[in-house]
Protein backbone atom coordinates (compact mmCIF):
# COMPACT_ATOMS: atom_id res chain seq x y z
CA UNK A 1 93.50 112.61 89.95
CA UNK A 2 90.74 110.60 91.62
CA UNK A 3 89.14 107.29 90.74
CA UNK A 4 85.45 106.50 91.04
CA UNK A 5 85.75 105.31 94.63
CA UNK A 6 87.60 108.45 95.79
CA UNK A 7 85.24 110.73 93.86
CA UNK A 8 82.20 109.06 95.43
CA UNK A 9 83.72 109.63 98.91
CA UNK A 10 84.34 113.32 98.16
CA UNK A 11 80.81 113.75 96.77
CA UNK A 12 79.36 112.12 99.88
CA UNK A 13 81.38 114.44 102.12
CA UNK A 14 80.27 117.50 100.11
CA UNK A 15 76.65 116.38 100.49
CA UNK A 16 77.04 115.98 104.26
CA UNK A 17 78.55 119.45 104.54
CA UNK A 18 76.01 120.94 102.12
CA UNK A 19 79.00 122.29 100.17
CA UNK A 20 79.52 123.08 96.51
CA UNK A 21 82.13 120.88 94.83
CA UNK A 22 84.19 121.97 91.83
CA UNK A 23 85.86 119.21 89.79
CA UNK A 24 88.52 120.59 87.46
CA UNK A 25 90.34 118.63 84.77
CA UNK A 26 91.21 118.20 81.11
CA UNK A 27 89.65 115.20 79.36
CA UNK A 28 92.40 115.25 76.73
CA UNK A 29 95.16 114.61 79.24
CA UNK A 30 96.18 111.30 80.80
CA UNK A 31 93.50 109.06 82.25
CA UNK A 32 93.57 108.37 85.96
CA UNK A 33 95.68 105.37 87.09
CA UNK A 34 93.07 104.21 89.63
CA UNK A 35 89.81 102.46 88.84
CA UNK A 36 86.94 104.12 87.03
CA UNK A 37 86.33 107.21 84.92
CA UNK A 38 84.36 109.54 87.20
CA UNK A 39 84.42 112.54 84.85
CA UNK A 40 82.94 110.49 82.01
CA UNK A 41 80.33 108.91 84.29
CA UNK A 42 79.23 112.31 85.58
CA UNK A 43 78.80 113.52 82.00
CA UNK A 44 77.15 110.44 80.48
CA UNK A 45 75.18 108.92 83.39
CA UNK A 46 74.55 111.89 85.69
CA UNK A 47 73.83 114.25 82.81
CA UNK A 48 76.14 117.00 84.07
CA UNK A 49 77.18 119.37 81.29
CA UNK A 50 80.74 120.58 82.00
CA UNK A 51 81.75 124.21 81.67
CA UNK A 52 84.65 124.49 79.23
CA UNK A 53 87.52 126.97 79.22
CA UNK A 54 88.47 127.29 75.56
CA UNK A 55 90.84 130.25 75.69
CA UNK A 56 94.55 129.32 75.92
CA UNK A 57 96.75 131.82 77.75
CA UNK A 58 99.93 129.80 78.18
CA UNK A 59 101.03 129.80 74.50
CA UNK A 60 100.83 132.28 71.65
CA UNK A 61 101.06 132.31 67.85
CA UNK A 62 102.15 129.15 66.03
CA UNK A 63 102.91 127.37 69.30
CA UNK A 64 99.33 127.93 70.45
CA UNK A 65 98.04 126.53 67.14
CA UNK A 66 100.22 123.42 67.58
CA UNK A 67 98.83 122.78 71.07
CA UNK A 68 95.25 123.14 69.81
CA UNK A 69 95.97 120.61 67.06
CA UNK A 70 97.51 118.20 69.58
CA UNK A 71 94.18 117.91 71.42
CA UNK A 72 92.42 116.05 68.61
CA UNK A 73 94.82 115.92 65.64
CA UNK A 74 98.23 114.80 66.96
CA UNK A 75 99.56 113.91 63.50
CA UNK A 76 98.95 117.48 62.31
CA UNK A 77 100.51 118.83 65.49
CA UNK A 78 103.65 116.80 64.82
CA UNK A 79 103.76 118.09 61.23
CA UNK A 80 103.38 121.65 62.51
CA UNK A 81 106.24 121.09 64.96
CA UNK A 82 108.41 119.81 62.10
CA UNK A 83 107.58 122.88 60.04
CA UNK A 84 108.76 125.09 62.93
CA UNK A 85 112.01 123.13 63.21
CA UNK A 86 111.16 121.73 66.63
CA UNK A 87 111.58 118.02 65.77
CA UNK A 88 115.12 116.64 66.02
CA UNK A 89 115.65 113.19 64.44
CA UNK A 90 118.96 111.94 65.82
CA UNK A 91 120.47 108.47 66.37
CA UNK A 92 120.37 107.04 69.90
CA UNK A 93 124.13 107.38 70.42
CA UNK A 94 123.96 111.16 69.96
CA UNK A 95 120.39 112.10 70.88
CA UNK A 96 120.76 112.20 74.67
CA UNK A 97 123.94 114.27 74.51
CA UNK A 98 122.22 116.72 72.14
CA UNK A 99 119.17 116.96 74.39
CA UNK A 100 121.36 117.50 77.46
CA UNK A 101 123.34 120.24 75.71
CA UNK A 102 120.11 121.96 74.61
CA UNK A 103 118.75 121.76 78.15
CA UNK A 104 121.85 123.35 79.67
CA UNK A 105 121.64 126.08 77.04
CA UNK A 106 117.91 126.57 77.68
CA UNK A 107 118.39 127.27 81.42
CA UNK A 108 121.25 129.75 81.01
CA UNK A 109 120.48 133.14 82.60
CA UNK A 110 119.20 135.73 80.12
CA UNK A 111 118.71 139.45 80.34
CA UNK A 112 115.10 140.50 79.81
CA UNK A 113 113.83 144.05 80.27
CA UNK A 114 117.08 145.00 81.93
CA UNK A 115 116.94 142.14 84.45
CA UNK A 116 118.97 138.95 84.54
CA UNK A 117 116.57 136.02 84.78
CA UNK A 118 116.99 132.25 84.62
CA UNK A 119 114.50 130.61 82.21
CA UNK A 120 112.67 127.51 83.42
CA UNK A 121 112.89 124.32 81.38
CA UNK A 122 111.43 120.84 81.70
CA UNK A 123 112.60 117.59 80.12
CA UNK A 124 109.83 115.03 79.59
CA UNK A 125 110.29 111.34 78.77
CA UNK A 126 107.46 108.81 78.31
CA UNK A 127 109.27 106.13 80.34
CA UNK A 128 111.56 106.11 83.37
CA UNK A 129 114.12 104.05 81.42
CA UNK A 130 114.60 106.74 78.78
CA UNK A 131 114.39 109.44 81.42
CA UNK A 132 117.31 107.86 83.29
CA UNK A 133 119.48 108.02 80.16
CA UNK A 134 118.66 111.69 79.60
CA UNK A 135 119.18 112.48 83.28
CA UNK A 136 122.63 110.88 83.24
CA UNK A 137 123.62 112.93 80.21
CA UNK A 138 122.42 116.16 81.86
CA UNK A 139 124.36 115.46 85.07
CA UNK A 140 127.50 114.73 83.06
CA UNK A 141 127.11 118.13 81.43
CA UNK A 142 126.59 119.83 84.79
CA UNK A 143 129.68 118.16 86.23
CA UNK A 144 131.72 119.20 83.19
CA UNK A 145 130.64 122.81 83.83
CA UNK A 146 131.53 122.53 87.52
CA UNK A 147 127.96 123.13 88.63
CA UNK A 148 127.73 120.04 90.86
CA UNK A 149 129.68 119.63 94.10
CA UNK A 150 130.06 116.91 96.71
CA UNK A 151 128.10 113.75 95.93
CA UNK A 152 126.62 111.16 98.32
CA UNK A 153 124.40 108.08 98.11
CA UNK A 154 120.91 108.04 99.61
CA UNK A 155 117.94 105.72 99.93
CA UNK A 156 115.33 106.10 97.18
CA UNK A 157 111.86 104.58 97.45
CA UNK A 158 110.23 103.99 94.07
CA UNK A 159 106.46 103.52 94.15
CA UNK A 160 105.42 100.23 92.55
CA UNK A 161 101.97 101.74 91.82
CA UNK A 162 100.10 98.61 92.86
CA UNK A 163 96.33 98.92 92.85
CA UNK A 164 94.38 98.25 96.02
CA UNK A 165 93.37 94.86 94.62
CA UNK A 166 97.02 94.02 93.92
CA UNK A 167 98.08 95.16 97.40
CA UNK A 168 95.41 92.83 98.81
CA UNK A 169 97.08 89.86 97.10
CA UNK A 170 100.00 88.39 99.05
CA UNK A 171 101.57 87.19 95.79
CA UNK A 172 102.07 90.79 94.58
CA UNK A 173 104.95 91.32 97.02
CA UNK A 174 108.64 90.63 96.52
CA UNK A 175 111.17 90.17 99.29
CA UNK A 176 112.85 93.51 99.93
CA UNK A 177 109.78 95.64 99.14
CA UNK A 178 108.99 98.41 101.62
CA UNK A 179 105.46 99.05 102.87
CA UNK A 180 104.77 102.57 104.15
CA UNK A 181 101.47 103.42 105.83
CA UNK A 182 99.75 106.55 104.54
CA UNK A 183 97.01 106.30 107.19
CA UNK A 184 96.81 105.00 110.73
CA UNK A 185 95.91 101.31 110.83
CA UNK A 186 95.47 98.65 113.49
CA UNK A 187 98.89 98.18 115.06
CA UNK A 188 100.56 100.74 112.76
CA UNK A 189 100.91 104.52 112.66
CA UNK A 190 100.94 106.78 109.64
CA UNK A 191 104.43 107.01 108.14
CA UNK A 192 105.57 103.69 109.62
CA UNK A 193 107.58 101.43 107.29
CA UNK A 194 107.81 97.65 107.09
CA UNK A 195 110.29 95.65 105.04
CA UNK A 196 108.90 92.56 103.30
CA UNK A 197 110.93 89.52 104.36
CA UNK A 198 110.99 86.18 102.56
CA UNK A 199 108.45 83.82 104.18
CA UNK A 200 106.75 86.60 106.14
CA UNK A 201 103.11 87.47 105.41
CA UNK A 202 102.60 91.07 104.18
CA UNK A 203 99.81 93.15 105.81
CA UNK A 204 97.59 92.63 102.75
CA UNK A 205 94.39 92.99 104.81
CA UNK A 206 95.30 96.66 105.39
CA UNK A 207 95.81 97.40 101.67
CA UNK A 208 93.76 100.65 101.58
CA UNK A 209 96.09 102.23 104.17
CA UNK A 210 99.56 101.83 102.68
CA UNK A 211 101.68 101.98 99.52
CA UNK A 212 104.39 99.59 98.35
CA UNK A 213 107.86 100.77 97.30
CA UNK A 214 110.99 99.25 95.81
CA UNK A 215 114.15 100.48 97.64
CA UNK A 216 117.09 101.67 95.57
CA UNK A 217 120.03 104.04 95.98
CA UNK A 218 120.45 107.38 94.25
CA UNK A 219 123.48 109.65 94.03
CA UNK A 220 122.74 113.24 95.05
CA UNK A 221 125.25 116.07 94.75
CA UNK A 222 125.34 119.65 95.96
CA UNK A 223 123.67 121.69 93.23
CA UNK A 224 121.43 118.83 92.10
CA UNK A 225 117.78 119.43 91.42
CA UNK A 226 115.39 117.08 93.27
CA UNK A 227 111.70 116.35 92.87
CA UNK A 228 109.77 115.03 95.86
CA UNK A 229 107.52 112.04 95.20
CA UNK A 230 105.40 112.06 98.35
CA UNK A 231 104.00 114.40 100.98
CA UNK A 232 105.83 114.69 104.29
CA UNK A 233 107.69 117.07 106.54
CA UNK A 234 111.22 118.29 107.24
CA UNK A 235 113.08 117.56 110.46
CA UNK A 236 111.73 120.83 111.80
CA UNK A 237 108.14 119.91 110.90
CA UNK A 238 107.76 122.08 107.79
CA UNK A 239 105.42 120.59 105.17
CA UNK A 240 106.84 118.95 102.04
CA UNK A 241 104.54 118.51 99.03
CA UNK A 242 104.49 115.75 96.46
CA UNK A 243 105.93 117.06 93.17
CA UNK A 244 107.81 119.92 94.82
CA UNK A 245 111.16 120.86 93.23
CA UNK A 246 114.16 121.88 95.30
CA UNK A 247 117.90 122.42 94.87
CA UNK A 248 120.45 120.76 97.14
CA UNK A 249 122.52 123.36 99.00
CA UNK A 250 124.57 120.96 101.13
CA UNK A 251 124.59 118.22 103.77
CA UNK A 252 124.58 118.31 107.56
CA UNK A 253 127.15 116.53 109.72
CA UNK A 254 124.57 113.81 110.34
CA UNK A 255 124.21 113.28 106.57
CA UNK A 256 120.82 114.95 106.12
CA UNK A 257 120.04 117.02 102.99
CA UNK A 258 119.81 120.82 103.16
CA UNK A 259 117.85 122.51 100.38
CA UNK A 260 118.08 126.03 98.90
CA UNK A 261 115.73 127.40 101.59
CA UNK A 262 117.82 126.01 104.41
CA UNK A 263 115.26 123.31 105.18
CA UNK A 264 116.67 119.97 106.38
CA UNK A 265 115.32 116.72 104.93
CA UNK A 266 116.06 113.44 106.75
CA UNK A 267 118.67 111.31 105.00
CA UNK A 268 116.30 108.33 105.06
CA UNK A 269 113.42 110.33 103.54
CA UNK A 270 113.60 108.24 100.38
CA UNK A 271 110.74 109.91 98.49
CA UNK A 272 112.86 111.89 96.07
CA UNK A 273 114.35 111.58 92.62
CA UNK A 274 116.56 113.72 90.43
CA UNK A 275 114.36 116.47 89.08
CA UNK A 276 115.80 117.15 85.63
CA UNK A 277 113.49 114.72 83.80
CA UNK A 278 109.89 113.76 84.48
CA UNK A 279 107.17 111.72 82.81
CA UNK A 280 104.24 113.42 81.11
CA UNK A 281 101.91 112.09 83.84
CA UNK A 282 103.94 113.88 86.53
CA UNK A 283 104.26 116.96 84.31
CA UNK A 284 100.52 117.61 84.27
CA UNK A 285 99.65 121.02 85.79
CA UNK A 286 103.27 122.18 85.35
CA UNK A 287 104.14 125.37 83.42
CA UNK A 288 107.68 126.26 82.27
CA UNK A 289 109.25 128.48 79.64
CA UNK A 290 110.75 125.71 77.50
CA UNK A 291 110.06 122.00 77.05
CA UNK A 292 112.37 119.27 75.71
CA UNK A 293 110.68 115.93 74.97
CA UNK A 294 112.59 112.64 74.61
CA UNK A 295 110.70 110.20 72.37
CA UNK A 296 113.14 107.46 71.49
CA UNK A 297 112.58 103.99 70.09
CA UNK A 298 112.50 102.37 73.54
CA UNK A 299 109.60 104.58 74.61
CA UNK A 300 107.37 104.01 71.57
CA UNK A 301 104.98 101.60 73.39
CA UNK A 302 104.28 104.36 75.97
CA UNK A 303 103.74 107.12 73.40
CA UNK A 304 100.14 108.04 72.62
CA UNK A 305 97.89 111.00 71.87
CA UNK A 306 97.51 112.02 75.52
CA UNK A 307 101.25 111.87 76.15
CA UNK A 308 101.90 114.04 73.10
CA UNK A 309 99.32 116.65 74.10
CA UNK A 310 100.44 116.92 77.73
CA UNK A 311 104.13 117.15 76.79
CA UNK A 312 103.66 119.79 74.10
CA UNK A 313 101.40 121.99 76.19
CA UNK A 314 103.70 122.48 79.22
CA UNK A 315 105.78 125.32 77.75
CA UNK A 316 105.23 129.01 77.11
CA UNK A 317 107.96 129.69 74.52
CA UNK A 318 108.77 126.45 72.68
CA UNK A 319 108.69 122.64 72.84
CA UNK A 320 111.27 120.50 71.03
CA UNK A 321 110.91 116.79 70.31
CA UNK A 322 113.91 114.44 70.10
CA UNK A 323 113.37 111.12 68.33
CA UNK A 324 115.24 108.46 66.39
CA UNK A 325 112.39 107.67 63.98
CA UNK A 326 109.87 110.34 62.98
CA UNK A 327 107.67 107.89 61.05
CA UNK A 328 107.35 105.56 64.05
CA UNK A 329 106.65 108.59 66.25
CA UNK A 330 103.88 109.70 63.88
CA UNK A 331 102.23 106.31 64.26
CA UNK A 332 102.62 106.34 68.04
CA UNK A 333 101.07 109.76 68.72
CA UNK A 334 97.86 108.73 66.96
CA UNK A 335 97.12 105.94 69.45
CA UNK A 336 94.56 106.75 72.14
CA UNK A 337 94.74 105.65 75.77
CA UNK A 338 91.30 104.03 76.09
CA UNK A 339 90.19 103.70 79.71
CA UNK A 340 86.92 101.78 80.18
CA UNK A 341 85.14 101.92 83.55
CA UNK A 342 83.27 98.97 85.07
CA UNK A 343 79.96 100.74 84.37
CA UNK A 344 80.86 101.22 80.72
CA UNK A 345 82.06 97.61 80.50
CA UNK A 346 78.76 96.36 81.92
CA UNK A 347 76.90 98.55 79.43
CA UNK A 348 78.97 97.15 76.56
CA UNK A 349 78.30 93.58 77.77
CA UNK A 350 74.57 94.27 77.96
CA UNK A 351 74.59 95.72 74.44
CA UNK A 352 76.55 92.71 73.20
CA UNK A 353 74.03 90.33 74.77
CA UNK A 354 71.15 92.20 73.12
CA UNK A 355 72.93 92.06 69.73
CA UNK A 356 73.47 88.32 70.13
CA UNK A 357 69.80 87.84 71.05
CA UNK A 358 68.64 89.84 68.00
CA UNK A 359 70.99 87.85 65.79
CA UNK A 360 69.69 84.51 67.08
CA UNK A 361 66.08 85.65 66.55
CA UNK A 362 66.92 86.74 63.03
CA UNK A 363 68.58 83.40 62.25
CA UNK A 364 65.57 81.50 63.67
CA UNK A 365 63.07 83.55 61.63
CA UNK A 366 65.15 83.17 58.47
CA UNK A 367 65.33 79.39 58.84
CA UNK A 368 61.60 79.19 59.62
CA UNK A 369 60.80 81.24 56.52
CA UNK A 370 62.99 78.99 54.39
CA UNK A 371 61.23 75.88 55.72
CA UNK A 372 57.79 77.35 55.01
CA UNK A 373 58.83 78.31 51.47
CA UNK A 374 60.07 74.81 50.54
CA UNK A 375 57.90 72.57 48.25
CA UNK A 376 56.22 69.48 49.83
CA UNK A 377 58.69 66.72 50.57
CA UNK A 378 58.79 63.69 48.23
CA UNK A 379 57.56 60.76 50.36
CA UNK A 380 58.47 58.07 47.89
CA UNK A 381 56.60 56.14 45.14
CA UNK A 382 52.81 56.49 44.95
CA UNK A 383 50.62 53.65 46.30
CA UNK A 384 49.15 51.30 43.65
CA UNK A 385 45.44 52.05 43.92
CA UNK A 386 44.55 48.58 42.59
CA UNK A 387 46.08 47.03 45.71
CA UNK A 388 44.44 49.47 48.15
CA UNK A 389 41.49 47.15 49.17
CA UNK A 390 43.89 44.33 49.97
CA UNK A 391 46.06 46.63 52.01
CA UNK A 392 43.04 47.90 53.95
CA UNK A 393 41.94 44.33 54.75
CA UNK A 394 45.39 43.57 56.09
CA UNK A 395 45.06 46.46 58.61
CA UNK A 396 43.24 45.36 61.76
CA UNK A 397 42.07 47.98 64.20
CA UNK A 398 41.25 46.83 67.69
CA UNK A 399 38.72 48.94 69.54
CA UNK A 400 37.37 48.62 73.01
């Protein structure tokens, strides 16, 4: 996902190379986290008519109908999901255990067309807080089944998702934050990390060239599923991609992580998280067989139409929703994530100014009309005509 600034840079590069540029996206999914709405600007201001792919291949039957409804009619999509028995209303104390049990059942190997295959499943939560609760319940289930082995603690770097403007402000930093450069900068190389120390000035002037992270620890066991949260490389130089899923096969003597392919990831890599649960933003572009969606009371502020559509549309076979209050969920999925660009804001301000000007003109004309329509003002008692000559004699006009 690109903001207006990044899109303008790509368009400029395409123009320099005399290349054709294809921009692909879904305007019903989540809005971009960075500034601007380039897709909307290209449609409304540049006059570019997008080509639309209307045929859905991922889902079939009633599931396909539900996804189509979720694009513009999320309330009807939720009702359709209820009719199919895909909405589970369960109290908080039991919901996460139920979801975890359903997930472990969903990924059990099945025999299809004479072959034993392992279905793919994805758990989606609107917030990291609820996702952590679901993740803990899933790992407890895996441990109970003996599917997790030796466990160790590792560094985890959680992106604070500060905007460039926020990174340029020295007051946005907290002691203990970690700055990692994503591009070469003056005095720093790509990949270099700096710890923010109390009383020390952060490199705010280099804001476009780094990201800010909050360091934590995470427990990783053999058999765990991990999702990478940044691009990078293994100790042998093999490329690692942001969003990539891998399974932990073991640890080296030095404490590094070995994945299912035999690739070795440095123990201080940090850009990983347990991969059982993800947010709907991170789930975009993903396709799995089955989807389980946690929509508890704590996540209601983050639930909206876009979140509902993205979450429901990730699966091929079914998508189940787990909530503690269906009525509150119905209200939440009807909210829209409105993202106004600076250009649109300026246009709204201009329109508002014009409306205010028209209103003031209307008020002025109305008052003027009322004044013209009033009868002559009463100036007091009439002058006694019999006294007029005396009054005129008392008035002396000096002329030069």
